[in-house]
Amino acid sequence: MKRKFIQTGLLFTLLTISLSGTAQSLAQVKTLYEEGRYEEAKPGWERLVKQSPNNSKYNQWYGECCYETKDYENAEKYLIIANKRKEIESYRYLAMLYTELYRFSEAVSMWEDYIALQKKQKKDTSEMEKIVEQVRNLNRMQEKTEDIQIIDSIVVSKSAFLETYKLSDESGVLLMYDDFFKTDSPVSSVVYTNQKGSAIYYARPAENGVYNIYTQSKLLDVWGDEKALLPNLKDNNYPFVLSDGITIYFASKGYESIGGYDIFKTRYNTNTNTYLTPEQIGMPFNSPANDYMMVIDEVKGLGWFVSDRFQPDDKVCVYLFIPDPDRKRIDDMASGEELRRRAALVSISDSWKEGVDYTSLIQLGHTEMQQNQTKKDRDFEFFINDKVAYYSLNDIKNQDAKNLYTEVLSINKQIETLRNRLNEIRNTFANAQPSAREQLRPTILQAENQLYTLMEKAAEQERKARNAELIHIGVK
């Protein structure tokens, strides 16, 4: 009897300790949660929500911790439970979650419901309305996702991303700002030097800390005549200029950016001596994260850009892709899930064409290539596909393709002559008096238009030659 009494007392004591532990646990979990220590609070909320699965607060708080720790699958599961029980903050967290998952139309719906609830409580919703408009922009951009082939990706330290850019000498030189200008004051930008070494493009912060893009010309081996290229109110950075000398890619937090830095493209207008209104590049290049440093090597036929999407704070991912001048969109027949994956860059292999081997292009993208290296013992480089390349007219098997590519070579010579002449006129323009500049503007504009016409004609004839050769050799 005494033994039974002792056992019962022990059981009661253990139960009391257990209940006491649960109470303390709840208080501790709430403290961790309120301090933003979500990883530490998460196991506690998980235990509590299992004990009380219908408790809307527990589901909400556990869902928030899952979201904040990027456990998106569980976040959605428990936030939906909280949402069905009308927990107000579940709308906001589901909106943010669906934005992260590129389910933008669902995110818009959640934001609209959340804003309506806030208005009922007479709260200011102006900032929320800006966010929902941004998500609407994301939804529109996703619908226009480009069918680009991204063939490789490398995760690197944020401070070392430029080391993965292996440009051909003909495409210019990239250096970190501090290395180029030999300065100890940290400036988060890159200096691009054109092929001739006659101009540099870079960004630096103004006194208010906002970055803007500048250019300088080399005069008698000295850099000078610094000029701002774009308005300095947008935080513009990471410039790169194509070989035509007037097309510039850059990153900006302005111009209705969809999140952090976005990649933009603009062209110099010699008629107004200004740059045209920047055009925002679409998905998958841009995202709600920071995307920047778009570089296209026209010799290699490859491009790079950087993004910190899906990455920890000290890392970025450098993507290697095949530029498409036509900027074709993903087929309208693509499923919503396929479109979402391609837009978000869930896996670069989603963008690969069936049966295509990208090994040689990937290797080229990671190889240092000296000037004229590819032209050694070669008349030209004519890529038929990722497996076949020709280096002389004798390599081309189809006569129609050979005739077409002969015309391409002739046009390319005209392009090179015109481009050299245009560079000379631009150098004269840069050092001329205002009255002389006015006289030169029509000449430059005419030469630019002629250059673009020739480039488009060369590209079109090359496409025709490639298609004719592919049909001849039996490759679809």
Protein backbone atom coordinates (compact mmCIF):
# COMPACT_ATOMS: atom_id res chain seq x y z
CA MET A 1 0.00 0.00 0.00
CA LYS A 2 2.79 2.39 0.91
CA ARG A 3 4.61 1.45 -2.31
CA LYS A 4 1.50 2.29 -4.36
CA PHE A 5 1.17 5.64 -2.60
CA ILE A 6 4.79 6.47 -3.41
CA GLN A 7 4.27 5.60 -7.09
CA THR A 8 1.14 7.75 -7.28
CA GLY A 9 2.95 10.67 -5.65
CA LEU A 10 5.83 10.35 -8.06
CA LEU A 11 3.47 10.37 -11.03
CA PHE A 12 1.75 13.49 -9.67
CA THR A 13 5.10 15.22 -9.22
CA LEU A 14 6.19 14.40 -12.79
CA LEU A 15 2.88 15.69 -14.16
CA THR A 16 3.24 18.91 -12.18
CA ILE A 17 6.76 19.43 -13.51
CA SER A 18 5.53 18.74 -17.04
CA LEU A 19 2.72 21.29 -16.79
CA SER A 20 5.05 23.83 -15.25
CA GLY A 21 7.54 23.22 -18.06
CA THR A 22 4.84 23.79 -20.67
CA ALA A 23 3.86 27.14 -19.10
CA GLN A 24 7.49 28.25 -18.97
CA SER A 25 8.00 27.01 -22.49
CA LEU A 26 5.12 29.14 -23.79
CA ALA A 27 6.49 32.26 -22.11
CA GLN A 28 9.97 31.58 -23.45
CA VAL A 29 8.71 30.91 -26.95
CA LYS A 30 6.73 34.15 -26.98
CA THR A 31 9.79 36.07 -25.84
CA LEU A 32 11.96 34.52 -28.55
CA TYR A 33 9.30 35.27 -31.14
CA GLU A 34 8.87 38.88 -30.07
CA GLU A 35 12.65 39.37 -30.20
CA GLY A 36 12.69 38.10 -33.78
CA ARG A 37 14.63 34.94 -32.91
CA TYR A 38 12.46 32.84 -35.19
CA GLU A 39 14.76 29.86 -35.57
CA GLU A 40 14.82 29.38 -31.79
CA ALA A 41 11.10 30.01 -31.37
CA LYS A 42 10.05 27.69 -34.19
CA PRO A 43 10.32 24.32 -32.32
CA GLY A 44 8.27 25.70 -29.43
CA TRP A 45 5.43 26.87 -31.67
CA GLU A 46 5.53 23.56 -33.52
CA ARG A 47 5.04 21.67 -30.25
CA LEU A 48 2.23 23.97 -29.15
CA VAL A 49 0.40 23.83 -32.46
CA LYS A 50 0.47 20.03 -32.31
CA GLN A 51 -1.02 20.17 -28.83
CA SER A 52 -3.71 22.66 -29.93
CA PRO A 53 -4.12 22.30 -33.71
CA ASN A 54 -7.19 24.56 -33.82
CA ASN A 55 -5.54 27.45 -32.00
CA SER A 56 -5.42 30.20 -34.61
CA LYS A 57 -2.69 32.17 -32.83
CA TYR A 58 -0.39 29.16 -32.56
CA ASN A 59 -0.88 28.42 -36.26
CA GLN A 60 -0.21 32.05 -37.13
CA TRP A 61 2.95 32.35 -35.05
CA TYR A 62 4.30 29.00 -36.18
CA GLY A 63 3.55 29.93 -39.81
CA GLU A 64 5.41 33.23 -39.35
CA CYS A 65 8.46 31.45 -37.93
CA CYS A 66 8.41 29.01 -40.85
CA TYR A 67 8.26 31.92 -43.30
CA GLU A 68 11.07 33.82 -41.61
CA THR A 69 13.27 30.71 -41.67
CA LYS A 70 12.40 30.02 -45.35
CA ASP A 71 10.46 26.84 -44.55
CA TYR A 72 7.88 27.88 -47.13
CA GLU A 73 5.96 24.61 -47.39
CA ASN A 74 5.06 24.56 -43.70
CA ALA A 75 4.60 28.32 -43.69
CA GLU A 76 1.80 28.09 -46.24
CA LYS A 77 0.17 25.11 -44.52
CA TYR A 78 -0.16 26.79 -41.11
CA LEU A 79 -0.80 30.32 -42.35
CA ILE A 80 -3.74 29.01 -44.39
CA ILE A 81 -5.19 27.47 -41.21
CA ALA A 82 -4.79 30.82 -39.46
CA ASN A 83 -6.27 32.60 -42.47
CA LYS A 84 -9.39 30.44 -42.39
CA ARG A 85 -9.84 31.60 -38.80
CA LYS A 86 -9.49 35.25 -39.94
CA GLU A 87 -6.15 36.02 -38.29
CA ILE A 88 -5.45 39.43 -39.82
CA GLU A 89 -1.67 39.06 -40.08
CA SER A 90 -2.08 35.78 -41.99
CA TYR A 91 -3.14 37.82 -45.04
CA ARG A 92 0.06 39.86 -44.96
CA TYR A 93 2.32 36.86 -44.42
CA LEU A 94 0.61 34.82 -47.14
CA ALA A 95 0.98 37.80 -49.50
CA MET A 96 4.71 37.95 -48.78
CA LEU A 97 5.02 34.17 -49.06
CA TYR A 98 3.26 34.02 -52.44
CA THR A 99 5.51 36.82 -53.68
CA GLU A 100 8.58 34.80 -52.68
CA LEU A 101 7.12 31.78 -54.50
CA TYR A 102 6.36 33.82 -57.66
CA ARG A 103 2.63 33.21 -57.21
CA PHE A 104 1.98 36.88 -57.80
CA SER A 105 -1.74 36.83 -58.60
CA GLU A 106 -2.41 35.07 -55.28
CA ALA A 107 -0.16 37.58 -53.53
CA VAL A 108 -2.13 40.48 -55.01
CA SER A 109 -5.38 38.94 -53.75
CA MET A 110 -3.99 38.55 -50.21
CA TRP A 111 -2.66 42.12 -50.18
CA GLU A 112 -6.03 43.46 -51.33
CA ASP A 113 -7.83 41.57 -48.54
CA TYR A 114 -5.27 42.75 -45.97
CA ILE A 115 -5.57 46.38 -47.09
CA ALA A 116 -9.37 46.18 -46.89
CA LEU A 117 -9.14 44.92 -43.30
CA GLN A 118 -6.69 47.67 -42.39
CA LYS A 119 -8.97 50.33 -43.85
CA LYS A 120 -11.83 49.05 -41.71
CA GLN A 121 -9.63 49.77 -38.71
CA LYS A 122 -8.92 53.28 -40.07
CA LYS A 123 -5.22 52.54 -40.58
CA ASP A 124 -2.94 54.17 -43.14
CA THR A 125 -2.51 51.79 -46.10
CA SER A 126 -0.49 54.00 -48.47
CA GLU A 127 2.73 51.98 -48.13
CA MET A 128 0.85 48.71 -48.54
CA GLU A 129 -0.79 50.01 -51.72
CA LYS A 130 2.67 50.76 -53.14
CA ILE A 131 3.68 47.18 -52.39
CA VAL A 132 0.62 45.66 -54.03
CA GLU A 133 1.22 47.76 -57.15
CA GLN A 134 4.77 46.45 -57.24
CA VAL A 135 3.44 42.88 -57.03
CA ARG A 136 1.08 43.65 -59.91
CA ASN A 137 4.11 44.74 -61.91
CA LEU A 138 5.82 41.48 -61.01
CA ASN A 139 2.79 39.56 -62.26
CA ARG A 140 2.82 41.45 -65.56
CA MET A 141 6.56 40.90 -65.96
CA GLN A 142 6.24 37.17 -65.25
CA GLU A 143 3.76 36.82 -68.10
CA LYS A 144 6.49 38.14 -70.45
CA THR A 145 9.31 35.91 -69.21
CA GLU A 146 12.02 35.51 -71.84
CA ASP A 147 12.90 32.11 -73.27
CA ILE A 148 16.60 32.51 -72.51
CA GLN A 149 19.04 29.61 -72.12
CA ILE A 150 20.97 29.92 -68.85
CA ILE A 151 23.72 27.34 -69.16
CA ASP A 152 25.65 27.67 -65.90
CA SER A 153 25.52 29.23 -62.44
CA ILE A 154 28.18 29.72 -59.78
CA VAL A 155 27.62 30.78 -56.17
CA VAL A 156 30.47 33.01 -54.97
CA SER A 157 31.27 35.53 -52.29
CA LYS A 158 29.53 38.84 -52.93
CA SER A 159 32.88 40.63 -52.96
CA ALA A 160 34.40 38.26 -55.53
CA PHE A 161 31.69 37.95 -58.18
CA LEU A 162 33.72 39.77 -60.84
CA GLU A 163 36.32 37.00 -60.85
CA THR A 164 33.87 34.75 -62.69
CA TYR A 165 33.55 37.16 -65.66
CA LYS A 166 35.99 35.95 -68.33
CA LEU A 167 35.65 38.54 -71.09
CA SER A 168 37.46 38.38 -74.39
CA ASP A 169 39.86 41.28 -74.89
CA GLU A 170 37.66 42.63 -77.68
CA SER A 171 34.84 43.12 -75.18
CA GLY A 172 36.80 45.41 -72.84
CA VAL A 173 37.99 45.12 -69.25
CA LEU A 174 36.16 44.98 -65.91
CA LEU A 175 37.78 45.92 -62.60
CA MET A 176 36.42 46.68 -59.16
CA TYR A 177 36.28 50.42 -58.52
CA ASP A 178 38.76 50.34 -55.61
CA ASP A 179 41.28 48.37 -57.67
CA PHE A 180 41.04 50.68 -60.68
CA PHE A 181 41.23 53.99 -58.81
CA LYS A 182 43.57 52.68 -56.08
CA THR A 183 41.43 54.06 -53.30
CA ASP A 184 40.97 52.92 -49.71
CA SER A 185 37.45 54.33 -49.42
CA PRO A 186 35.12 51.42 -50.23
CA VAL A 187 32.95 51.99 -53.31
CA SER A 188 30.61 49.16 -54.35
CA SER A 189 30.93 49.48 -58.09
CA VAL A 190 32.77 48.24 -61.16
CA VAL A 191 34.80 50.16 -63.74
CA TYR A 192 34.32 49.14 -67.36
CA THR A 193 37.03 50.12 -69.86
CA ASN A 194 36.15 49.88 -73.56
CA GLN A 195 38.21 47.81 -75.99
CA LYS A 196 40.31 50.76 -77.20
CA GLY A 197 41.03 51.88 -73.65
CA SER A 198 39.76 55.33 -74.54
CA ALA A 199 36.76 55.51 -72.18
CA ILE A 200 35.74 54.24 -68.76
CA TYR A 201 32.29 53.88 -67.20
CA TYR A 202 31.67 53.49 -63.48
CA ALA A 203 29.46 54.52 -60.58
CA ARG A 204 30.32 56.31 -57.38
CA PRO A 205 28.20 57.70 -54.54
CA ALA A 206 27.34 61.38 -54.20
CA GLU A 207 27.39 63.13 -50.84
CA ASN A 208 23.92 61.76 -50.09
CA GLY A 209 25.20 58.21 -50.65
CA VAL A 210 23.17 57.67 -53.83
CA TYR A 211 25.18 56.12 -56.66
CA ASN A 212 25.26 57.54 -60.17
CA ILE A 213 27.03 56.49 -63.37
CA TYR A 214 29.87 58.54 -64.85
CA THR A 215 32.22 58.34 -67.79
CA GLN A 216 35.69 59.69 -68.46
CA SER A 217 37.80 59.88 -71.61
CA LYS A 218 41.54 59.37 -71.88
CA LEU A 219 43.31 62.50 -73.07
CA LEU A 220 47.10 62.27 -73.46
CA ASP A 221 47.17 59.18 -71.23
CA VAL A 222 45.25 60.95 -68.48
CA TRP A 223 41.65 60.26 -67.50
CA GLY A 224 39.51 63.37 -67.32
CA ASP A 225 36.39 65.26 -68.40
CA GLU A 226 34.13 63.32 -65.99
CA LYS A 227 30.45 63.42 -66.99
CA ALA A 228 27.32 62.04 -65.36
CA LEU A 229 25.32 59.83 -67.73
CA LEU A 230 21.97 59.55 -65.96
CA PRO A 231 19.97 61.50 -63.33
CA ASN A 232 21.56 61.01 -59.92
CA LEU A 233 18.31 60.44 -58.04
CA LYS A 234 17.80 56.79 -58.91
CA ASP A 235 20.80 54.96 -57.39
CA ASN A 236 22.29 53.74 -60.68
CA ASN A 237 25.27 51.39 -60.69
CA TYR A 238 27.23 48.59 -62.43
CA PRO A 239 27.48 49.90 -66.02
CA PHE A 240 28.54 47.94 -69.10
CA VAL A 241 28.68 49.32 -72.65
CA LEU A 242 28.33 47.25 -75.82
CA SER A 243 30.84 47.54 -78.63
CA ASP A 244 28.61 50.02 -80.48
CA GLY A 245 29.58 52.56 -77.82
CA ILE A 246 26.03 53.79 -77.24
CA THR A 247 24.11 50.85 -75.72
CA ILE A 248 24.57 50.61 -71.96
CA TYR A 249 23.36 48.04 -69.45
CA PHE A 250 23.21 49.11 -65.82
CA ALA A 251 21.48 48.37 -62.52
CA SER A 252 19.12 50.75 -60.75
CA LYS A 253 16.87 50.94 -57.73
CA GLY A 254 14.71 53.51 -59.52
CA TYR A 255 12.61 53.53 -62.68
CA GLU A 256 9.94 51.40 -60.95
CA SER A 257 12.36 48.68 -59.92
CA ILE A 258 10.59 45.49 -58.83
CA GLY A 259 12.95 44.99 -55.89
CA GLY A 260 16.43 46.18 -54.99
CA TYR A 261 18.65 46.58 -58.04
CA ASP A 262 17.07 45.72 -61.39
CA ILE A 263 18.85 45.49 -64.73
CA PHE A 264 18.06 48.20 -67.30
CA LYS A 265 19.16 49.03 -70.82
CA THR A 266 19.38 52.38 -72.57
CA ARG A 267 20.99 54.01 -75.61
CA TYR A 268 22.70 57.33 -76.17
CA ASN A 269 20.71 59.79 -78.25
CA THR A 270 23.13 62.07 -80.08
CA ASN A 271 20.30 64.31 -81.20
CA THR A 272 19.60 65.38 -77.62
CA ASN A 273 23.02 64.53 -76.16
CA THR A 274 21.26 62.40 -73.52
CA TYR A 275 20.34 58.78 -72.90
CA LEU A 276 16.90 57.45 -73.81
CA THR A 277 14.43 56.45 -71.10
CA PRO A 278 15.84 53.21 -69.61
CA GLU A 279 14.11 49.96 -70.52
CA GLN A 280 13.69 47.40 -67.76
CA ILE A 281 14.94 43.93 -68.71
CA GLY A 282 12.38 41.21 -68.01
CA MET A 283 12.38 37.92 -66.10
CA PRO A 284 14.29 35.74 -65.46
CA PHE A 285 17.03 38.39 -65.41
CA ASN A 286 15.19 40.57 -62.90
CA SER A 287 13.55 39.47 -59.66
CA PRO A 288 12.34 40.86 -56.31
CA ALA A 289 15.98 40.44 -55.15
CA ASN A 290 19.06 42.39 -56.32
CA ASP A 291 20.04 41.72 -59.95
CA TYR A 292 22.93 43.55 -61.59
CA MET A 293 26.13 43.59 -63.70
CA MET A 294 24.68 42.48 -67.03
CA VAL A 295 27.60 41.89 -69.41
CA ILE A 296 27.42 40.57 -72.98
CA ASP A 297 30.57 39.34 -74.71
CA GLU A 298 29.76 39.64 -78.40
CA VAL A 299 32.89 37.72 -79.38
CA LYS A 300 32.09 34.69 -77.23
CA GLY A 301 28.37 34.99 -77.79
CA LEU A 302 27.77 34.72 -74.03
CA GLY A 303 26.49 36.89 -71.22
CA TRP A 304 26.67 37.12 -67.43
CA PHE A 305 24.59 38.68 -64.69
CA VAL A 306 24.56 38.55 -60.89
CA SER A 307 21.68 37.94 -58.49
CA ASP A 308 21.36 37.46 -54.74
CA ARG A 309 18.02 35.62 -55.07
CA PHE A 310 17.92 32.45 -52.96
CA GLN A 311 21.31 33.35 -51.45
CA PRO A 312 22.55 34.15 -47.91
CA ASP A 313 23.63 37.73 -47.19
CA ASP A 314 27.30 37.24 -48.09
CA LYS A 315 26.75 35.25 -51.30
CA VAL A 316 25.54 35.89 -54.85
CA CYS A 317 24.99 33.69 -57.88
CA VAL A 318 26.59 34.50 -61.24
CA TYR A 319 24.56 33.19 -64.18
CA LEU A 320 26.03 32.42 -67.62
CA PHE A 321 23.57 32.66 -70.52
CA ILE A 322 23.28 32.71 -74.30
CA PRO A 323 22.06 36.16 -75.41
CA ASP A 324 19.04 36.23 -77.69
CA PRO A 325 18.75 39.50 -79.68
CA ASP A 326 15.14 38.62 -80.54
CA ARG A 327 14.23 38.28 -76.83
CA LYS A 328 11.64 35.60 -77.52
CA ARG A 329 9.12 34.91 -74.76
CA ILE A 330 8.28 31.55 -73.27
CA ASP A 331 5.56 29.77 -75.21
CA ASP A 332 2.05 30.91 -74.27
CA MET A 333 1.14 27.23 -73.92
CA ALA A 334 3.57 26.79 -71.01
CA SER A 335 1.86 25.75 -67.78
CA GLY A 336 1.64 28.14 -64.86
CA GLU A 337 4.13 26.03 -62.92
CA GLU A 338 6.62 25.96 -65.81
CA LEU A 339 6.33 29.71 -66.25
CA ARG A 340 6.84 30.25 -62.52
CA ARG A 341 9.93 28.05 -62.44
CA ARG A 342 11.46 29.69 -65.50
CA ALA A 343 10.76 33.19 -64.23
CA ALA A 344 12.15 32.45 -60.76
CA LEU A 345 15.17 30.48 -62.01
CA VAL A 346 14.30 27.57 -59.75
CA SER A 347 16.60 25.39 -61.86
CA ILE A 348 18.69 26.56 -64.81
CA SER A 349 18.22 23.15 -66.46
CA ASP A 350 14.57 24.12 -67.05
CA SER A 351 15.84 26.52 -69.74
CA TRP A 352 17.97 24.00 -71.64
CA LYS A 353 16.93 22.83 -75.08
CA GLU A 354 16.37 19.11 -75.43
CA GLY A 355 19.35 17.22 -76.80
CA VAL A 356 21.73 20.20 -76.74
CA ASP A 357 25.16 19.81 -75.15
CA TYR A 358 26.36 23.10 -73.62
CA THR A 359 29.70 21.76 -72.40
CA SER A 360 31.86 23.64 -74.91
CA LEU A 361 30.04 26.93 -74.33
CA ILE A 362 30.32 26.58 -70.57
CA GLN A 363 34.02 25.92 -70.92
CA LEU A 364 34.34 28.98 -73.19
CA GLY A 365 32.53 31.07 -70.59
CA HIS A 366 35.11 30.15 -67.95
CA THR A 367 38.17 30.53 -70.19
CA GLU A 368 40.44 33.56 -70.47
CA MET A 369 40.62 34.47 -74.15
CA GLN A 370 43.29 36.80 -75.50
CA GLN A 371 42.62 39.16 -78.37
CA ASN A 372 42.52 37.42 -81.75
CA GLN A 373 43.09 34.04 -80.08
CA THR A 374 40.02 32.58 -81.76
CA LYS A 375 41.07 33.99 -85.11
CA LYS A 376 44.37 32.14 -85.17
CA ASP A 377 44.32 29.82 -88.20
CA ARG A 378 40.67 30.77 -88.66
CA ASP A 379 38.97 33.17 -91.04
CA PHE A 380 35.93 33.61 -88.81
CA GLU A 381 33.70 31.84 -86.28
CA PHE A 382 30.29 30.73 -87.52
CA PHE A 383 28.37 28.75 -84.89
CA ILE A 384 25.80 26.47 -86.50
CA ASN A 385 24.64 25.13 -83.14
CA ASP A 386 26.23 24.23 -79.82
CA LYS A 387 27.98 21.23 -81.38
CA VAL A 388 29.06 22.56 -84.79
CA ALA A 389 31.19 25.61 -85.65
CA TYR A 390 32.78 26.64 -88.97
CA TYR A 391 35.97 28.65 -89.37
CA SER A 392 36.28 29.07 -93.16
CA LEU A 393 33.98 29.22 -96.17
CA ASN A 394 35.20 25.77 -97.22
CA ASP A 395 33.66 24.34 -94.05
CA ILE A 396 30.16 25.37 -95.16
CA LYS A 397 28.59 22.51 -97.07
CA ASN A 398 25.43 24.09 -98.50
CA GLN A 399 26.01 26.50 -101.42
CA ASP A 400 23.10 28.78 -100.48
CA ALA A 401 24.42 28.99 -96.91
CA LYS A 402 27.91 29.73 -98.27
CA ASN A 403 26.58 32.56 -100.46
CA LEU A 404 24.61 34.03 -97.58
CA TYR A 405 27.55 33.90 -95.21
CA THR A 406 29.83 35.48 -97.84
CA GLU A 407 27.42 38.40 -97.79
CA VAL A 408 27.61 38.44 -93.97
CA LEU A 409 31.40 38.74 -94.13
CA SER A 410 31.10 41.63 -96.57
CA ILE A 411 28.59 43.43 -94.34
CA ASN A 412 30.80 42.86 -91.29
CA LYS A 413 33.66 44.64 -93.06
CA GLN A 414 31.36 47.59 -93.70
CA ILE A 415 30.33 47.52 -90.03
CA GLU A 416 33.94 47.55 -88.85
CA THR A 417 34.81 50.49 -91.14
CA LEU A 418 31.74 52.44 -90.08
CA ARG A 419 32.30 51.68 -86.39
CA ASN A 420 35.89 53.00 -86.56
CA ARG A 421 34.70 56.13 -88.31
CA LEU A 422 31.95 56.61 -85.75
CA ASN A 423 34.41 56.28 -82.87
CA GLU A 424 36.60 58.94 -84.44
CA ILE A 425 33.64 61.31 -84.81
CA ARG A 426 32.58 60.67 -81.21
CA ASN A 427 36.09 61.46 -79.95
CA THR A 428 36.00 64.71 -81.94
CA PHE A 429 32.54 65.42 -80.55
CA ALA A 430 33.68 64.88 -76.95
CA ASN A 431 36.42 67.52 -77.27
CA ALA A 432 34.57 69.98 -79.52
CA GLN A 433 33.03 73.34 -78.67
CA PRO A 434 29.22 73.51 -78.36
CA SER A 435 28.79 75.04 -81.83
CA ALA A 436 30.90 72.31 -83.44
CA ARG A 437 28.96 69.64 -81.53
CA GLU A 438 25.71 70.87 -83.06
CA GLN A 439 27.20 70.38 -86.51
CA LEU A 440 28.45 66.89 -85.67
CA ARG A 441 25.20 65.58 -84.17
CA PRO A 442 23.42 64.89 -87.51
CA THR A 443 26.52 63.12 -88.83
CA ILE A 444 26.72 60.88 -85.74
CA LEU A 445 23.00 60.13 -85.82
CA GLN A 446 23.13 59.21 -89.50
CA ALA A 447 26.15 56.95 -88.92
CA GLU A 448 24.46 55.27 -85.93
CA ASN A 449 21.30 54.56 -87.93
CA GLN A 450 23.38 53.18 -90.78
CA LEU A 451 25.35 51.01 -88.33
CA TYR A 452 22.21 49.52 -86.80
CA THR A 453 20.76 48.83 -90.25
CA LEU A 454 23.92 46.97 -91.25
CA MET A 455 24.03 45.02 -87.97
CA GLU A 456 20.40 43.94 -88.36
CA LYS A 457 21.02 42.92 -91.97
CA ALA A 458 24.13 40.90 -91.00
CA ALA A 459 22.22 39.14 -88.20
CA GLU A 460 19.33 38.31 -90.53
CA GLN A 461 21.59 36.93 -93.26
CA GLU A 462 23.52 34.88 -90.70
CA ARG A 463 20.27 33.36 -89.42
CA LYS A 464 19.30 32.44 -92.98
CA ALA A 465 22.73 30.90 -93.62
CA ARG A 466 22.55 28.92 -90.37
CA ASN A 467 19.07 27.60 -91.15
CA ALA A 468 20.08 26.60 -94.68
CA GLU A 469 23.13 24.74 -93.37
CA LEU A 470 21.16 23.02 -90.61
CA ILE A 471 18.62 21.74 -93.12
CA HIS A 472 21.42 20.54 -95.43
CA ILE A 473 23.24 18.58 -92.71
CA GLY A 474 19.97 17.18 -91.38
CA VAL A 475 19.90 18.91 -87.98
CA LYS A 476 16.58 20.34 -86.78
